Amino acid sequence: MKGDELILGPYVGKPSPHTRIKFDSGICGAAVREGETIVVDDVNSDPRYLACSLETKSEIVVPIWKEGKIVGEIDIDSDELAAFNGDDKDLLEKVGTFLSRLF
């Protein structure tokens, strides 16, 4: 995160046209604004979605918190509809807590 933007950091996947996302844009920006994990079962039905890949069908975005502030996010896309469930959310939030120690 830098200023009012999310800056794409290390990732695995196809190239994305969205390497900088303002907090007022996309599902990643919504996770910052709302301060909570967002799970989208069908990105094509969510008007916040910024298309990175035509194959993406669902997404989970987990804010990483440190000292009461969001310092980053975990963002995972899937080529399957409704790919993420409550277990995924719980696990990724724990991973986020672990990662916060690195910031």
Protein backbone atom coordinates (compact mmCIF):
# COMPACT_ATOMS: atom_id res chain seq x y z
CA MET A 1 0.00 0.00 0.00
CA LYS A 2 1.21 3.46 -0.81
CA GLY A 3 -0.86 6.56 -0.18
CA ASP A 4 -4.37 5.83 -1.40
CA GLU A 5 -3.36 2.98 -3.71
CA LEU A 6 -2.72 -0.71 -3.57
CA ILE A 7 0.49 -1.57 -5.41
CA LEU A 8 0.72 -5.04 -6.91
CA GLY A 9 3.50 -6.93 -5.19
CA PRO A 10 4.82 -10.44 -5.67
CA TYR A 11 2.27 -12.66 -7.36
CA VAL A 12 1.82 -15.76 -9.44
CA GLY A 13 -0.40 -15.72 -12.49
CA LYS A 14 -1.03 -14.06 -15.79
CA PRO A 15 0.03 -10.45 -16.28
CA SER A 16 -2.49 -7.94 -14.94
CA PRO A 17 -3.28 -4.50 -16.32
CA HIS A 18 -4.11 -3.46 -12.75
CA THR A 19 -0.77 -2.98 -11.00
CA ARG A 20 -2.04 0.05 -9.04
CA ILE A 21 -5.58 0.16 -7.65
CA LYS A 22 -7.10 3.16 -5.91
CA PHE A 23 -8.99 2.41 -2.71
CA ASP A 24 -12.22 3.51 -4.40
CA SER A 25 -11.88 0.86 -7.17
CA GLY A 26 -12.36 -2.86 -7.48
CA ILE A 27 -12.90 -5.61 -4.97
CA CYS A 28 -9.40 -5.07 -3.57
CA GLY A 29 -10.24 -1.42 -2.92
CA ALA A 30 -13.55 -2.46 -1.35
CA ALA A 31 -11.71 -4.72 1.11
CA VAL A 32 -9.68 -1.69 2.23
CA ARG A 33 -12.75 0.56 2.47
CA GLU A 34 -14.79 -2.04 4.36
CA GLY A 35 -11.87 -3.32 6.41
CA GLU A 36 -12.85 -6.94 6.03
CA THR A 37 -12.45 -10.02 3.89
CA ILE A 38 -14.55 -10.07 0.75
CA VAL A 39 -15.56 -13.29 -1.01
CA VAL A 40 -17.15 -12.97 -4.44
CA ASP A 41 -18.67 -16.18 -5.80
CA ASP A 42 -19.22 -14.75 -9.30
CA VAL A 43 -17.10 -11.76 -10.26
CA ASN A 44 -19.20 -11.15 -13.37
CA SER A 45 -22.17 -10.33 -11.14
CA ASP A 46 -20.22 -7.87 -8.97
CA PRO A 47 -19.98 -4.34 -10.40
CA ARG A 48 -16.84 -3.65 -8.32
CA TYR A 49 -14.80 -6.25 -10.19
CA LEU A 50 -11.86 -4.99 -12.26
CA ALA A 51 -11.31 -7.61 -14.92
CA CYS A 52 -7.76 -8.93 -14.88
CA SER A 53 -8.43 -12.19 -16.70
CA LEU A 54 -11.40 -13.40 -18.73
CA GLU A 55 -11.03 -16.80 -17.05
CA THR A 56 -11.54 -15.47 -13.50
CA LYS A 57 -14.88 -16.50 -12.04
CA SER A 58 -14.51 -15.94 -8.26
CA GLU A 59 -12.23 -14.03 -5.90
CA ILE A 60 -11.29 -13.68 -2.24
CA VAL A 61 -9.52 -10.61 -0.86
CA VAL A 62 -8.16 -10.64 2.70
CA PRO A 63 -6.83 -7.44 4.29
CA ILE A 64 -3.59 -7.77 6.24
CA TRP A 65 -3.79 -5.77 9.48
CA LYS A 66 -0.95 -4.42 11.62
CA GLU A 67 -1.40 -2.12 14.58
CA GLY A 68 -4.95 -1.22 13.58
CA LYS A 69 -4.10 -0.39 9.95
CA ILE A 70 -4.34 -2.36 6.74
CA VAL A 71 -0.82 -2.81 5.38
CA GLY A 72 -1.53 -5.15 2.48
CA GLU A 73 -3.86 -7.78 1.09
CA ILE A 74 -4.02 -11.37 -0.03
CA ASP A 75 -5.96 -11.53 -3.30
CA ILE A 76 -6.73 -14.89 -4.88
CA ASP A 77 -8.72 -15.41 -8.08
CA SER A 78 -10.17 -18.70 -9.30
CA ASP A 79 -11.33 -19.94 -12.67
CA GLU A 80 -14.21 -21.73 -10.85
CA LEU A 81 -17.45 -20.18 -9.62
CA ALA A 82 -17.85 -20.07 -5.82
CA ALA A 83 -14.36 -21.51 -5.30
CA PHE A 84 -13.89 -20.07 -1.78
CA ASN A 85 -15.72 -21.07 1.38
CA GLY A 86 -15.62 -20.26 5.09
CA ASP A 87 -12.67 -22.59 5.67
CA ASP A 88 -10.67 -20.75 3.01
CA LYS A 89 -11.60 -17.42 4.58
CA ASP A 90 -10.53 -18.58 8.05
CA LEU A 91 -7.23 -20.01 6.80
CA LEU A 92 -6.33 -16.96 4.71
CA GLU A 93 -7.15 -14.60 7.58
CA LYS A 94 -4.72 -16.59 9.75
CA VAL A 95 -2.12 -16.37 6.98
CA GLY A 96 -2.76 -12.61 6.90
CA THR A 97 -2.08 -12.41 10.63
CA PHE A 98 1.17 -14.30 10.14
CA LEU A 99 2.19 -12.08 7.21
CA SER A 100 1.51 -8.93 9.23
CA ARG A 101 4.59 -9.77 11.28
CA LEU A 102 6.69 -9.19 8.16
CA PHE A 103 5.60 -5.57 7.78
